[in-house]
Amino acid sequence: MKILLSPETERLITAKVSSGKYQSADELVREGLELLLEREKSMALNTTSHTSTDLLAAFENIANTLPGDELDKVRDLADTS
């Protein structure tokens, strides 16, 4: 696979490899991709967490708007086990 890089990106890769931290440009790119995958997984977990929180807030808002004993009727339906 051939990848075209900007001159700035090429300089950055060359500098990182020259520093001795990475043995090759391939190693540097591989580590960068691993970090990207970790960040994406973390973002996916955060999105799921926020969705659960948003859902809970929505249910709480609905419960707060139910008149009188309507919430008790909903709870009774949920306890039909």
C-alpha atoms as a PDB file:
ATOM      1  CA  MET A   1       0.000   0.000   0.000  1.00  0.00           C
ATOM      2  CA  LYS A   2       1.324   3.405  -0.879  1.00  0.00           C
ATOM      3  CA  ILE A   3       0.380   6.406   1.198  1.00  0.00           C
ATOM      4  CA  LEU A   4       0.949  10.021   0.246  1.00  0.00           C
ATOM      5  CA  LEU A   5       1.984  12.179   3.180  1.00  0.00           C
ATOM      6  CA  SER A   6       2.302  15.900   3.484  1.00  0.00           C
ATOM      7  CA  PRO A   7       5.871  17.198   3.856  1.00  0.00           C
ATOM      8  CA  GLU A   8       5.063  18.202   7.441  1.00  0.00           C
ATOM      9  CA  THR A   9       3.899  14.681   8.305  1.00  0.00           C
ATOM     10  CA  GLU A  10       6.981  13.177   6.657  1.00  0.00           C
ATOM     11  CA  ARG A  11       9.223  15.490   8.717  1.00  0.00           C
ATOM     12  CA  LEU A  12       7.419  14.515  11.914  1.00  0.00           C
ATOM     13  CA  ILE A  13       7.799  10.797  11.171  1.00  0.00           C
ATOM     14  CA  THR A  14      11.471  11.231  10.284  1.00  0.00           C
ATOM     15  CA  ALA A  15      12.097  13.180  13.484  1.00  0.00           C
ATOM     16  CA  LYS A  16      10.364  10.540  15.635  1.00  0.00           C
ATOM     17  CA  VAL A  17      12.295   7.692  14.020  1.00  0.00           C
ATOM     18  CA  SER A  18      15.572   9.654  14.256  1.00  0.00           C
ATOM     19  CA  SER A  19      14.991  10.221  17.966  1.00  0.00           C
ATOM     20  CA  GLY A  20      15.384   6.472  18.472  1.00  0.00           C
ATOM     21  CA  LYS A  21      11.987   5.964  20.045  1.00  0.00           C
ATOM     22  CA  TYR A  22      10.797   4.067  16.958  1.00  0.00           C
ATOM     23  CA  GLN A  23      12.814   1.683  14.809  1.00  0.00           C
ATOM     24  CA  SER A  24      10.877   2.518  11.639  1.00  0.00           C
ATOM     25  CA  ALA A  25       8.078   4.594  10.174  1.00  0.00           C
ATOM     26  CA  ASP A  26       6.005   1.386  10.084  1.00  0.00           C
ATOM     27  CA  GLU A  27       6.384   0.957  13.856  1.00  0.00           C
ATOM     28  CA  LEU A  28       5.374   4.570  14.467  1.00  0.00           C
ATOM     29  CA  VAL A  29       2.292   4.294  12.242  1.00  0.00           C
ATOM     30  CA  ARG A  30       1.320   0.973  13.843  1.00  0.00           C
ATOM     31  CA  GLU A  31       1.451   2.537  17.322  1.00  0.00           C
ATOM     32  CA  GLY A  32      -0.555   5.524  16.099  1.00  0.00           C
ATOM     33  CA  LEU A  33      -3.243   3.219  14.730  1.00  0.00           C
ATOM     34  CA  GLU A  34      -3.365   1.258  18.000  1.00  0.00           C
ATOM     35  CA  LEU A  35      -3.897   4.512  19.894  1.00  0.00           C
ATOM     36  CA  LEU A  36      -6.630   5.506  17.445  1.00  0.00           C
ATOM     37  CA  LEU A  37      -8.424   2.181  17.993  1.00  0.00           C
ATOM     38  CA  GLU A  38      -8.184   2.606  21.776  1.00  0.00           C
ATOM     39  CA  ARG A  39      -9.631   6.115  21.526  1.00  0.00           C
ATOM     40  CA  GLU A  40     -12.491   4.908  19.319  1.00  0.00           C
ATOM     41  CA  LYS A  41     -13.310   2.117  21.796  1.00  0.00           C
ATOM     42  CA  SER A  42     -13.258   4.612  24.647  1.00  0.00           C
ATOM     43  CA  MET A  43     -15.526   6.981  22.744  1.00  0.00           C
ATOM     44  CA  ALA A  44     -17.939   4.126  21.988  1.00  0.00           C
ATOM     45  CA  LEU A  45     -18.094   3.220  25.677  1.00  0.00           C
ATOM     46  CA  ASN A  46     -18.705   6.849  26.620  1.00  0.00           C
ATOM     47  CA  THR A  47     -21.462   7.128  24.026  1.00  0.00           C
ATOM     48  CA  THR A  48     -23.154   4.022  25.423  1.00  0.00           C
ATOM     49  CA  SER A  49     -22.845   5.402  28.938  1.00  0.00           C
ATOM     50  CA  HIS A  50     -24.331   8.744  27.907  1.00  0.00           C
ATOM     51  CA  THR A  51     -27.160   7.014  26.072  1.00  0.00           C
ATOM     52  CA  SER A  52     -28.079   5.060  29.206  1.00  0.00           C
ATOM     53  CA  THR A  53     -27.982   8.230  31.277  1.00  0.00           C
ATOM     54  CA  ASP A  54     -30.091  10.077  28.699  1.00  0.00           C
ATOM     55  CA  LEU A  55     -32.625   7.250  28.684  1.00  0.00           C
ATOM     56  CA  LEU A  56     -32.866   7.275  32.471  1.00  0.00           C
ATOM     57  CA  ALA A  57     -33.373  11.048  32.451  1.00  0.00           C
ATOM     58  CA  ALA A  58     -36.121  10.680  29.830  1.00  0.00           C
ATOM     59  CA  PHE A  59     -37.949   8.087  31.941  1.00  0.00           C
ATOM     60  CA  GLU A  60     -37.619  10.268  35.032  1.00  0.00           C
ATOM     61  CA  ASN A  61     -39.081  13.223  33.125  1.00  0.00           C
ATOM     62  CA  ILE A  62     -42.010  11.086  31.971  1.00  0.00           C
ATOM     63  CA  ALA A  63     -42.594   9.778  35.498  1.00  0.00           C
ATOM     64  CA  ASN A  64     -42.597  13.339  36.862  1.00  0.00           C
ATOM     65  CA  THR A  65     -45.285  14.403  34.396  1.00  0.00           C
ATOM     66  CA  LEU A  66     -47.706  11.549  35.114  1.00  0.00           C
ATOM     67  CA  PRO A  67     -50.793  12.706  36.993  1.00  0.00           C
ATOM     68  CA  GLY A  68     -51.805  11.322  40.379  1.00  0.00           C
ATOM     69  CA  ASP A  69     -51.588   7.577  40.739  1.00  0.00           C
ATOM     70  CA  GLU A  70     -50.715   6.857  37.094  1.00  0.00           C
ATOM     71  CA  LEU A  71     -47.105   6.061  38.009  1.00  0.00           C
ATOM     72  CA  ASP A  72     -48.337   3.419  40.478  1.00  0.00           C
ATOM     73  CA  LYS A  73     -50.386   1.817  37.699  1.00  0.00           C
ATOM     74  CA  VAL A  74     -47.279   1.621  35.501  1.00  0.00           C
ATOM     75  CA  ARG A  75     -45.323   0.068  38.368  1.00  0.00           C
ATOM     76  CA  ASP A  76     -48.116  -2.481  38.886  1.00  0.00           C
ATOM     77  CA  LEU A  77     -47.851  -3.517  35.238  1.00  0.00           C
ATOM     78  CA  ALA A  78     -44.090  -3.955  35.634  1.00  0.00           C
ATOM     79  CA  ASP A  79     -44.537  -6.218  38.693  1.00  0.00           C
ATOM     80  CA  THR A  80     -46.655  -8.869  36.956  1.00  0.00           C
ATOM     81  CA  SER A  81     -43.953 -11.538  37.389  1.00  0.00           C
END
